[in-house]
Protein backbone atom coordinates (compact mmCIF):
# COMPACT_ATOMS: atom_id res chain seq x y z
CA UNK A 1 43.37 115.47 154.15
CA UNK A 2 44.17 111.51 155.49
CA UNK A 3 41.60 111.75 158.26
CA UNK A 4 39.95 109.42 160.70
CA UNK A 5 36.56 110.53 159.48
CA UNK A 6 35.03 113.03 157.14
CA UNK A 7 33.53 116.16 158.63
CA UNK A 8 31.47 118.87 157.00
CA UNK A 9 32.71 122.26 156.06
CA UNK A 10 32.73 124.22 158.34
CA UNK A 11 33.82 121.59 160.83
CA UNK A 12 35.00 122.06 164.36
CA UNK A 13 38.04 119.87 164.75
CA UNK A 14 41.27 121.17 163.33
CA UNK A 15 43.47 118.92 161.21
CA UNK A 16 46.50 120.98 162.22
CA UNK A 17 48.21 119.95 165.44
CA UNK A 18 49.65 122.89 167.46
CA UNK A 19 53.33 122.29 168.21
CA UNK A 20 53.33 123.09 171.93
CA UNK A 21 51.13 122.48 174.95
CA UNK A 22 50.47 126.21 175.23
CA UNK A 23 49.39 126.40 171.61
CA UNK A 24 47.14 123.36 172.02
CA UNK A 25 45.47 124.91 175.06
CA UNK A 26 45.02 128.19 173.20
CA UNK A 27 43.49 126.39 170.21
CA UNK A 28 41.17 124.40 172.49
CA UNK A 29 40.00 127.57 174.25
CA UNK A 30 39.39 129.32 170.95
CA UNK A 31 37.40 126.36 169.71
CA UNK A 32 35.31 126.23 172.90
CA UNK A 33 34.49 129.91 172.45
CA UNK A 34 33.67 129.36 168.77
CA UNK A 35 31.27 126.51 169.58
CA UNK A 36 29.59 128.63 172.25
CA UNK A 37 29.17 131.53 169.83
CA UNK A 38 27.76 129.30 167.08
CA UNK A 39 25.26 127.71 169.46
CA UNK A 40 24.05 131.07 170.76
CA UNK A 41 23.87 132.63 167.31
CA UNK A 42 21.79 129.71 166.03
CA UNK A 43 19.52 129.70 169.08
CA UNK A 44 18.85 133.40 169.60
CA UNK A 45 20.56 135.27 166.77
CA UNK A 46 23.69 137.45 166.77
CA UNK A 47 21.79 140.61 167.70
CA UNK A 48 20.50 139.10 170.95
CA UNK A 49 23.90 137.61 171.81
CA UNK A 50 26.65 139.54 173.56
CA UNK A 51 30.32 138.79 174.02
CA UNK A 52 29.53 138.33 177.70
CA UNK A 53 26.95 135.67 176.81
CA UNK A 54 29.49 133.81 174.69
CA UNK A 55 32.20 133.98 177.35
CA UNK A 56 29.77 132.69 179.96
CA UNK A 57 28.62 129.86 177.71
CA UNK A 58 32.22 128.89 177.01
CA UNK A 59 33.19 129.09 180.68
CA UNK A 60 35.87 131.76 180.21
CA UNK A 61 36.38 135.29 181.45
CA UNK A 62 35.37 138.17 179.22
CA UNK A 63 38.99 139.34 179.07
CA UNK A 64 39.91 135.89 177.74
CA UNK A 65 37.32 136.26 175.01
CA UNK A 66 38.80 139.58 173.89
CA UNK A 67 42.32 138.19 174.08
CA UNK A 68 41.42 135.93 171.17
CA UNK A 69 38.64 137.71 169.27
CA UNK A 70 37.92 141.29 168.25
CA UNK A 71 34.15 140.87 168.11
CA UNK A 72 31.38 138.40 168.86
CA UNK A 73 31.02 137.61 165.15
CA UNK A 74 34.74 136.95 164.80
CA UNK A 75 34.43 134.28 167.49
CA UNK A 76 33.06 131.73 164.99
CA UNK A 77 36.04 132.07 162.68
CA UNK A 78 37.90 129.03 164.10
CA UNK A 79 34.96 126.78 163.16
CA UNK A 80 34.91 128.13 159.63
CA UNK A 81 38.69 128.11 159.22
CA UNK A 82 38.98 124.55 160.53
CA UNK A 83 36.44 123.37 157.99
CA UNK A 84 38.40 125.07 155.22
CA UNK A 85 41.62 123.48 156.50
CA UNK A 86 39.98 120.06 156.40
CA UNK A 87 38.79 120.43 152.82
CA UNK A 88 42.20 121.68 151.72
CA UNK A 89 44.00 118.88 153.55
CA UNK A 90 42.02 116.29 151.58
CA UNK A 91 43.46 117.78 148.41
CA UNK A 92 46.94 118.05 149.91
CA UNK A 93 46.84 114.28 150.52
CA UNK A 94 46.11 113.59 146.83
CA UNK A 95 48.97 112.73 144.50
CA UNK A 96 49.68 114.59 141.24
CA UNK A 97 48.82 112.61 138.15
CA UNK A 98 45.62 111.12 139.51
CA UNK A 99 43.42 113.68 137.80
CA UNK A 100 42.85 117.14 139.23
CA UNK A 101 39.11 117.22 138.61
CA UNK A 102 38.66 113.77 140.19
CA UNK A 103 40.69 114.90 143.20
CA UNK A 104 38.49 117.99 143.56
CA UNK A 105 35.31 115.93 143.33
CA UNK A 106 36.56 113.43 145.90
CA UNK A 107 37.59 116.17 148.34
CA UNK A 108 34.24 117.93 147.98
CA UNK A 109 32.28 114.75 148.51
CA UNK A 110 34.33 113.55 151.49
CA UNK A 111 34.49 116.92 153.25
CA UNK A 112 30.70 117.33 153.13
CA UNK A 113 29.75 113.73 153.87
CA UNK A 114 27.63 112.88 156.91
CA UNK A 115 28.63 109.30 157.73
CA UNK A 116 27.76 109.53 161.43
CA UNK A 117 25.77 111.55 163.96
CA UNK A 118 28.68 113.80 164.83
CA UNK A 119 29.25 114.84 161.23
CA UNK A 120 25.51 115.29 160.66
CA UNK A 121 25.29 117.44 163.78
CA UNK A 122 28.16 119.61 162.58
CA UNK A 123 26.37 120.22 159.29
CA UNK A 124 23.20 121.18 161.11
CA UNK A 125 25.18 123.62 163.27
CA UNK A 126 26.56 125.08 160.06
CA UNK A 127 23.02 125.55 158.79
CA UNK A 128 22.08 127.43 161.95
CA UNK A 129 25.15 129.63 161.69
CA UNK A 130 24.56 130.51 158.04
CA UNK A 131 20.94 131.30 158.73
CA UNK A 132 22.01 133.59 161.55
CA UNK A 133 24.38 135.34 159.13
CA UNK A 134 21.52 136.31 156.82
CA UNK A 135 20.59 139.26 159.04
CA UNK A 136 24.04 140.10 160.34
CA UNK A 137 26.48 141.74 157.88
CA UNK A 138 29.40 141.36 160.30
CA UNK A 139 28.83 137.62 160.58
CA UNK A 140 28.55 137.31 156.80
CA UNK A 141 31.81 139.22 156.49
CA UNK A 142 33.56 136.62 158.65
CA UNK A 143 32.15 133.83 156.45
CA UNK A 144 33.30 135.55 153.25
CA UNK A 145 36.71 136.38 154.71
CA UNK A 146 37.36 132.76 155.66
CA UNK A 147 36.30 131.62 152.19
CA UNK A 148 38.63 134.16 150.58
CA UNK A 149 41.53 133.03 152.74
CA UNK A 150 40.72 129.40 151.91
CA UNK A 151 40.75 130.18 148.20
CA UNK A 152 44.16 131.85 148.45
CA UNK A 153 45.61 128.89 150.35
CA UNK A 154 44.13 126.47 147.83
CA UNK A 155 46.05 127.99 144.90
CA UNK A 156 49.41 126.28 145.62
CA UNK A 157 47.61 123.00 146.32
CA UNK A 158 45.90 123.11 142.91
CA UNK A 159 49.20 124.09 141.29
CA UNK A 160 50.93 121.07 142.83
CA UNK A 161 48.20 118.68 141.72
CA UNK A 162 48.29 120.18 138.22
CA UNK A 163 52.03 119.43 138.21
CA UNK A 164 52.91 122.57 136.26
CA UNK A 165 50.38 121.95 133.49
CA UNK A 166 48.13 124.91 134.33
CA UNK A 167 48.93 128.58 133.84
CA UNK A 168 48.77 130.85 136.89
CA UNK A 169 45.43 132.30 135.77
CA UNK A 170 43.93 128.85 135.23
CA UNK A 171 45.15 127.70 138.64
CA UNK A 172 43.48 130.67 140.33
CA UNK A 173 40.25 130.05 138.43
CA UNK A 174 40.14 126.41 139.53
CA UNK A 175 40.83 127.36 143.17
CA UNK A 176 38.11 130.02 143.06
CA UNK A 177 35.58 127.68 141.46
CA UNK A 178 36.25 124.89 143.95
CA UNK A 179 35.94 127.24 146.92
CA UNK A 180 32.77 128.84 145.59
CA UNK A 181 31.24 125.44 144.86
CA UNK A 182 31.33 124.58 148.55
CA UNK A 183 30.30 128.06 149.71
CA UNK A 184 27.32 128.28 147.36
CA UNK A 185 26.23 124.72 148.12
CA UNK A 186 26.27 125.31 151.87
CA UNK A 187 24.44 128.63 151.58
CA UNK A 188 21.82 127.10 149.28
CA UNK A 189 21.32 124.08 151.51
CA UNK A 190 21.11 126.22 154.65
CA UNK A 191 18.13 128.08 153.19
CA UNK A 192 16.18 124.81 152.83
CA UNK A 193 15.02 121.97 155.05
CA UNK A 194 16.86 119.34 152.99
CA UNK A 195 18.65 116.59 154.88
CA UNK A 196 22.37 116.11 155.36
CA UNK A 197 22.38 113.24 152.87
CA UNK A 198 20.56 112.61 149.62
CA UNK A 199 19.85 114.50 146.42
CA UNK A 200 19.82 118.02 147.91
CA UNK A 201 22.43 117.48 150.61
CA UNK A 202 25.49 119.74 150.88
CA UNK A 203 27.70 117.12 149.22
CA UNK A 204 25.31 116.62 146.31
CA UNK A 205 24.83 120.36 145.79
CA UNK A 206 28.57 121.03 145.98
CA UNK A 207 29.32 118.39 143.35
CA UNK A 208 26.71 119.93 141.06
CA UNK A 209 28.20 123.39 141.62
CA UNK A 210 31.74 122.15 141.02
CA UNK A 211 30.82 120.41 137.77
CA UNK A 212 28.95 123.44 136.47
CA UNK A 213 31.59 125.97 137.52
CA UNK A 214 34.43 123.91 136.05
CA UNK A 215 32.45 122.48 133.13
CA UNK A 216 33.86 125.02 130.70
CA UNK A 217 37.43 124.63 131.92
CA UNK A 218 37.82 120.84 132.05
CA UNK A 219 39.55 120.95 128.67
CA UNK A 220 42.26 123.02 130.37
CA UNK A 221 42.76 120.59 133.23
CA UNK A 222 45.66 118.13 133.19
CA UNK A 223 45.28 114.86 131.33
CA UNK A 224 43.17 112.33 133.15
CA UNK A 225 40.55 114.91 134.29
């Protein structure tokens, strides 16, 4: 994704620009609600948080909350989906022929980098959200759903970068491995007190996961990988 700065996955700033003023306002309201929900979930847990609490924190009416979200757990989905969009956009910006595995590594590393305080803070919010999901099946379900949707949307991106040199099954395997590398890395990191940079950071863990998950399939990747 050509971006002004790298943000972690999940992030909070969409790389997709809504086409109309109404759509931009809707997206901004959804994101405000998502940030409010994530903050409350991290601070007091999903069980102690109500939809009313989230609406109040976001400065919107309860009916506005339910206009956009079916449940309090679903309210964080824009944060998770935006992070997935950002990671995918980094790959969409890559050109075929440059090496699929190298493109995957670069996208993983850039999407989980913490080059500034804002990006580091976003990663720490992600940690709080994933910790909150440990005891809330509905919140975990949102996390897994967003990852599944991200994997499905990644398939045509991988196919384009492979430039027709991977079979459909191989393309799906690569998309699944890349998505799981980030998911597993973030979940593993969230369960520790490791920093946002360094050996056990999300970026470092995700690169390790990616290399191990795709280690047996690199021979199938296009030339140059």
